[in-house]
Protein backbone atom coordinates (compact mmCIF):
# COMPACT_ATOMS: atom_id res chain seq x y z
CA MET A 1 15.99 9.80 -33.24
CA PRO A 2 19.44 10.17 -34.90
CA ALA A 3 22.38 8.17 -33.68
CA ALA A 4 24.35 9.76 -30.87
CA THR A 5 27.37 11.89 -31.77
CA GLN A 6 29.84 13.41 -29.32
CA SER A 7 32.14 16.40 -29.77
CA SER A 8 33.45 19.47 -27.96
CA PHE A 9 32.73 23.12 -28.54
CA GLY A 10 34.36 26.33 -27.33
CA ALA A 11 32.07 28.99 -25.90
CA ASN A 12 33.05 32.66 -25.75
CA GLY A 13 31.54 35.91 -24.59
CA THR A 14 28.83 36.03 -27.28
CA TRP A 15 25.73 33.93 -27.86
CA GLN A 16 26.40 31.12 -30.35
CA ASP A 17 23.96 28.66 -31.89
CA ILE A 18 25.80 25.35 -31.63
CA ALA A 19 22.89 23.37 -33.15
CA ALA A 20 23.69 25.03 -36.45
CA THR A 21 27.29 23.81 -36.36
CA LEU A 22 26.90 20.26 -35.03
CA PRO A 23 25.89 17.49 -37.47
CA ALA A 24 22.34 16.19 -36.96
CA ALA A 25 21.82 18.49 -33.97
CA ALA A 26 18.58 20.12 -35.10
CA ASN A 27 15.50 18.74 -33.26
CA ALA A 28 17.57 16.10 -31.46
CA ASP A 29 18.23 15.69 -27.75
CA VAL A 30 21.38 17.62 -26.85
CA LEU A 31 23.38 16.89 -23.70
CA LEU A 32 25.78 19.67 -22.70
CA GLN A 33 28.43 19.15 -20.05
CA ASN A 34 30.57 22.07 -18.90
CA ILE A 35 34.14 20.72 -18.89
CA GLY A 36 35.75 24.15 -18.63
CA GLN A 37 36.52 26.41 -15.70
CA GLN A 38 33.81 29.07 -16.15
CA PRO A 39 30.00 28.86 -15.92
CA VAL A 40 28.09 28.67 -19.19
CA LYS A 41 24.70 30.14 -20.10
CA VAL A 42 22.43 27.89 -22.21
CA CYS A 43 19.14 28.67 -24.00
CA PHE A 44 17.13 26.12 -25.99
CA GLY A 45 14.99 27.45 -28.86
CA GLY A 46 14.61 30.79 -30.60
CA SER A 47 15.81 31.56 -34.10
CA ALA A 48 17.67 34.66 -32.88
CA ALA A 49 20.20 35.01 -30.10
CA PRO A 50 18.78 35.89 -26.68
CA ALA A 51 18.48 39.63 -26.14
CA SER A 52 20.03 39.56 -22.67
CA ASP A 53 23.34 38.18 -21.51
CA LEU A 54 21.52 37.02 -18.35
CA ALA A 55 19.03 34.85 -20.23
CA GLY A 56 19.03 31.08 -20.08
CA VAL A 57 20.16 28.52 -17.53
CA THR A 58 23.58 28.62 -15.89
CA VAL A 59 25.57 25.40 -16.14
CA TYR A 60 28.48 25.37 -13.73
CA ARG A 61 31.72 23.41 -13.96
CA GLN A 62 31.08 19.68 -14.53
CA GLY A 63 27.34 20.40 -14.65
CA THR A 64 25.05 19.01 -17.37
CA ILE A 65 21.83 20.03 -19.07
CA VAL A 66 19.63 18.28 -21.64
CA GLY A 67 17.25 19.91 -24.09
CA ASN A 68 15.59 19.49 -27.46
CA ALA A 69 15.25 22.40 -29.89
CA ALA A 70 16.23 23.46 -33.39
CA ASN A 71 18.46 26.16 -31.87
CA VAL A 72 20.78 25.73 -28.89
CA TRP A 73 22.36 29.02 -27.76
CA VAL A 74 25.43 29.07 -25.47
CA ARG A 75 27.75 31.76 -24.11
CA SER A 76 30.38 32.13 -21.40
CA PRO A 77 31.72 35.44 -20.14
CA GLY A 78 35.27 34.10 -19.80
CA GLY A 79 35.34 31.43 -22.46
CA THR A 80 35.20 27.72 -21.69
CA SER A 81 34.75 24.30 -23.30
CA LEU A 82 31.67 22.10 -23.57
CA ALA A 83 31.35 18.38 -24.16
CA VAL A 84 28.33 17.95 -26.44
CA THR A 85 26.32 14.77 -27.10
CA VAL A 86 23.57 14.79 -29.76
CA GLY A 87 20.82 12.12 -29.75
CA HIS A 88 20.17 9.46 -27.14
CA SER A 89 20.51 6.07 -28.83
CA GLY A 90 22.90 3.27 -27.82
CA GLY A 91 26.46 4.00 -26.86
CA VAL A 92 26.07 7.35 -25.11
CA SER A 93 27.92 7.73 -21.81
CA GLY A 94 27.04 10.15 -19.02
CA ASN A 95 23.70 11.25 -17.58
CA VAL A 96 21.27 11.49 -20.50
CA ALA A 97 17.60 12.30 -19.88
CA SER A 98 15.40 10.41 -22.36
CA LEU A 99 11.97 8.90 -22.91
CA GLY A 100 11.05 5.28 -23.42
CA ASN A 101 10.79 4.24 -27.03
CA VAL A 102 7.63 2.18 -26.48
CA ALA A 103 4.30 3.37 -25.08
CA ALA A 104 2.67 1.67 -22.09
CA GLY A 105 0.55 -1.29 -23.17
CA ALA A 106 2.44 -1.71 -26.47
CA THR A 107 4.58 -4.71 -27.39
CA ASP A 108 8.00 -4.34 -25.80
CA SER A 109 10.98 -3.43 -27.94
CA GLY A 110 14.54 -2.30 -27.21
CA ASN A 111 16.13 -1.79 -23.81
CA PRO A 112 14.24 -0.63 -20.67
CA VAL A 113 14.75 3.07 -19.96
CA LYS A 114 11.71 4.38 -18.05
CA ILE A 115 11.55 4.65 -14.29
CA GLY A 116 8.29 6.27 -13.26
CA GLY A 117 4.67 5.53 -12.61
CA VAL A 118 1.11 6.32 -13.58
CA TYR A 119 -2.22 6.48 -11.74
CA ASN A 120 -5.19 4.62 -13.25
CA ALA A 121 -8.68 4.73 -11.75
CA THR A 122 -9.13 1.26 -13.28
CA GLN A 123 -6.12 -1.06 -13.20
CA PRO A 124 -4.82 -2.00 -16.69
CA THR A 125 -4.82 -5.53 -18.06
CA LEU A 126 -1.68 -6.41 -19.98
CA SER A 127 -1.06 -9.24 -22.41
CA ASP A 128 1.92 -11.57 -22.44
CA GLY A 129 5.12 -9.77 -23.42
CA GLN A 130 3.77 -6.22 -23.06
CA ARG A 131 5.53 -3.47 -21.14
CA GLY A 132 3.62 -1.74 -18.36
CA ASN A 133 3.91 1.27 -16.10
CA LEU A 134 4.66 1.28 -12.41
CA VAL A 135 1.18 1.69 -10.87
CA LEU A 136 0.57 4.58 -8.47
CA SER A 137 -2.27 5.52 -6.17
CA ALA A 138 -4.02 8.89 -6.47
CA ARG A 139 -1.56 10.11 -3.81
CA GLY A 140 1.51 8.98 -5.76
CA GLU A 141 2.12 5.86 -3.66
CA VAL A 142 3.40 2.73 -5.38
CA LEU A 143 0.69 0.03 -5.45
CA THR A 144 2.12 -3.44 -4.94
CA ALA A 145 0.94 -6.71 -3.47
CA ILE A 146 2.81 -9.95 -2.92
CA GLY A 147 0.80 -12.72 -4.49
CA SER A 148 0.75 -15.94 -6.47
CA LEU A 149 0.58 -15.85 -10.25
CA GLY A 150 0.52 -19.32 -11.77
CA ASN A 151 3.40 -21.32 -10.32
CA MET A 152 5.63 -18.39 -9.42
CA ALA A 153 5.68 -15.66 -6.82
CA SER A 154 5.27 -12.18 -8.24
CA VAL A 155 4.43 -8.61 -7.36
CA VAL A 156 0.93 -7.85 -8.60
CA THR A 157 -1.56 -5.02 -8.31
CA GLY A 158 -5.32 -4.91 -7.84
CA VAL A 159 -5.76 -7.27 -4.89
CA GLY A 160 -9.42 -8.10 -4.21
CA ALA A 161 -11.24 -6.80 -1.14
CA ASP A 162 -11.33 -10.20 0.50
CA ALA A 163 -10.03 -13.73 0.28
CA SER A 164 -12.34 -14.52 -2.66
CA GLY A 165 -10.67 -11.91 -4.90
CA SER A 166 -9.19 -12.89 -8.25
CA VAL A 167 -5.66 -12.53 -6.87
CA ASN A 168 -4.55 -14.34 -3.72
CA GLY A 169 -2.54 -11.45 -2.38
CA LEU A 170 -0.88 -10.42 0.84
CA ASN A 171 -1.83 -6.90 1.89
CA VAL A 172 1.00 -5.09 3.62
CA TYR A 173 0.04 -2.46 6.17
CA ALA A 174 1.98 -0.29 8.58
CA ARG A 175 -0.43 -1.69 11.19
CA PRO A 176 -1.75 -5.27 10.98
CA GLY A 177 -5.36 -5.82 9.99
CA VAL A 178 -7.91 -8.62 10.41
CA PHE A 179 -10.75 -9.30 7.95
CA ASN A 180 -14.13 -9.44 9.72
CA GLY A 181 -16.08 -10.84 6.75
CA THR A 182 -16.96 -7.43 5.32
CA THR A 183 -14.13 -4.97 6.01
CA TRP A 184 -10.61 -4.91 7.40
CA ASP A 185 -10.19 -3.96 11.07
CA ARG A 186 -7.01 -2.99 12.85
CA ALA A 187 -5.60 -5.89 14.85
CA LYS A 188 -6.34 -5.46 18.56
CA LYS A 189 -5.40 -6.86 21.92
CA PRO A 190 -7.77 -7.45 24.86
CA VAL A 191 -8.21 -4.15 26.70
CA SER A 192 -11.30 -4.89 28.82
CA THR A 193 -12.51 -7.62 31.16
CA THR A 194 -16.02 -8.31 32.43
CA ARG A 195 -16.15 -10.42 35.63
CA LEU A 196 -18.89 -12.51 37.21
CA LEU A 197 -17.43 -13.50 40.56
CA SER A 198 -20.36 -15.72 41.53
CA SER A 199 -23.43 -16.57 39.49
CA ALA A 200 -26.93 -15.72 40.69
CA ALA A 201 -29.83 -18.17 40.79
CA THR A 202 -30.96 -16.99 37.32
CA THR A 203 -29.80 -17.34 33.74
CA ASN A 204 -27.43 -14.43 34.48
CA ALA A 205 -28.28 -12.64 31.19
CA THR A 206 -25.63 -9.92 30.91
CA SER A 207 -24.56 -7.31 28.36
CA VAL A 208 -20.76 -7.14 28.07
CA LYS A 209 -20.37 -4.53 25.32
CA THR A 210 -23.03 -2.53 23.47
CA SER A 211 -21.05 -2.13 20.25
CA MET A 212 -18.76 -4.15 17.96
CA ALA A 213 -16.54 -6.47 20.02
CA ASP A 214 -13.64 -8.89 19.63
CA LEU A 215 -13.66 -11.75 22.15
CA PHE A 216 -10.25 -13.19 23.07
CA ARG A 217 -10.67 -15.47 26.09
CA LEU A 218 -13.15 -16.87 28.62
CA ARG A 219 -12.14 -18.57 31.85
CA GLY A 220 -13.77 -19.54 35.16
CA TYR A 221 -14.83 -22.47 37.34
CA ASN A 222 -17.97 -24.61 37.33
CA ALA A 223 -18.57 -25.45 41.00
CA SER A 224 -21.72 -27.44 40.25
CA THR A 225 -21.69 -31.23 40.09
CA SER A 226 -23.67 -30.90 36.83
CA ALA A 227 -22.67 -29.49 33.47
CA ARG A 228 -23.52 -25.85 32.79
CA TYR A 229 -23.70 -24.02 29.47
CA LEU A 230 -22.29 -20.61 28.54
CA LYS A 231 -24.14 -18.96 25.65
CA LEU A 232 -22.79 -15.95 23.71
CA TYR A 233 -24.97 -13.51 21.77
CA ASN A 234 -24.28 -10.92 19.07
CA LYS A 235 -26.44 -8.30 20.75
CA ALA A 236 -26.03 -4.77 22.12
CA SER A 237 -28.14 -5.52 25.20
CA ALA A 238 -28.71 -8.38 27.63
CA PRO A 239 -30.15 -11.38 25.77
CA THR A 240 -33.71 -12.64 26.02
CA VAL A 241 -32.78 -16.17 27.05
CA GLY A 242 -34.77 -18.84 25.24
CA THR A 243 -35.81 -16.41 22.51
CA ASP A 244 -32.56 -14.98 21.15
CA THR A 245 -30.30 -17.37 19.22
CA PRO A 246 -26.77 -17.68 20.60
CA VAL A 247 -23.73 -17.24 18.35
CA ALA A 248 -21.96 -19.98 20.32
CA THR A 249 -22.75 -22.37 23.18
CA TYR A 250 -19.96 -23.81 25.34
CA TYR A 251 -20.05 -26.87 27.60
CA LEU A 252 -18.69 -26.20 31.09
CA PRO A 253 -17.72 -29.53 32.69
CA PRO A 254 -18.90 -30.17 36.26
CA SER A 255 -16.62 -29.42 39.21
CA SER A 256 -13.89 -28.21 36.85
CA PRO A 257 -12.13 -25.06 35.70
CA PHE A 258 -12.70 -24.02 32.11
CA GLU A 259 -10.83 -21.81 29.63
CA ILE A 260 -11.89 -20.95 26.08
CA ALA A 261 -9.33 -19.00 24.03
CA PHE A 262 -9.34 -17.81 20.40
CA ASP A 263 -6.19 -17.54 18.30
CA THR A 264 -8.09 -15.03 16.18
CA PRO A 265 -10.66 -13.14 18.25
CA LEU A 266 -14.32 -14.06 17.84
CA TYR A 267 -16.01 -11.09 16.16
CA PHE A 268 -19.36 -9.66 17.28
CA SER A 269 -20.60 -7.01 14.86
CA THR A 270 -23.43 -5.60 17.04
CA GLY A 271 -22.44 -6.21 20.64
CA LEU A 272 -21.42 -8.93 23.08
CA SER A 273 -23.66 -10.52 25.74
CA PHE A 274 -23.92 -13.86 27.52
CA ALA A 275 -26.16 -16.14 29.60
CA LEU A 276 -25.69 -19.29 31.73
CA THR A 277 -28.21 -22.13 31.56
CA GLY A 278 -28.66 -25.68 32.74
CA VAL A 279 -29.48 -27.17 29.32
CA ALA A 280 -27.69 -26.70 25.98
CA VAL A 281 -30.64 -26.12 23.59
CA ASP A 282 -31.18 -22.54 22.41
CA SER A 283 -34.72 -22.39 23.78
CA ASP A 284 -33.74 -23.45 27.30
CA THR A 285 -34.42 -21.02 30.13
CA THR A 286 -33.31 -23.23 33.04
CA ALA A 287 -31.72 -21.06 35.72
CA ILE A 288 -28.54 -22.27 37.37
CA ALA A 289 -28.01 -22.14 41.13
CA ALA A 290 -26.32 -19.34 43.01
CA GLY A 291 -22.56 -19.92 43.07
CA ASP A 292 -22.58 -22.57 40.31
CA ILE A 293 -20.15 -20.52 38.21
CA LEU A 294 -17.28 -18.76 39.94
CA CYS A 295 -14.79 -16.18 38.72
CA LEU A 296 -16.04 -15.97 35.14
CA ASN A 297 -13.67 -13.57 33.32
CA ILE A 298 -14.43 -12.39 29.77
CA HIS A 299 -11.48 -10.67 28.03
CA TYR A 300 -12.42 -8.60 25.00
CA ALA A 301 -11.79 -5.44 22.98
């Protein structure tokens, strides 16, 4: 692209091709600024003057327009003056629309000029020193992730689906999420409580929730003088005690209150159920006595 040149030009009531009168104007970027008092009509291209006085784009006082053509036609009904800049290399002042001089993925050269983005179905891989595009989603959203790259913090794209991804990134959401081992779930708070006010003389096998559940807290009182055991199951129905394998087994100390809380809720992918037994082993079916466990509250979502 030729070096930038700046000059002024007087427009009158007829169409004039200023590209033919300005040095190096042909096929260069031309920036026109209306510095006169009257609006100016501008047409880019065409070897002959426009047939209509209404053709072209109107540039009002102090307005600017940029174009690229071998012919640049201007006219003003009342006569006015234009400030004209040809080319877009270093040293041009004012608002000049231009393209970057280096393609994406090529070795960088010159000064940065592009502000924009591009969508890629597959994220690009750049080499050291290469220039890249701002990465967009298919909806035009900017894709960014705060992560660690070597020994410095950086903004990176293409965060993996889970913590084992190639980039240790921080996903930023309008609503917080929690990874359940397979997918990301919206963060929740306990919205439901199942109560067992007094245990029966059985294993008290109970279904709490028949679908995916997040368990936040368990609390109650063991009124027995012996230890009792609370067993939790990932199941959408009441457990078959002694046959089903618990997800967790908790010791409930004798003649004592108990509380079991989770900073991050315990996730049950199928459902949540529980049982109370007299022995800790999974195969145990020992029933507890009536009233052994009092005010068992299970808080979940």
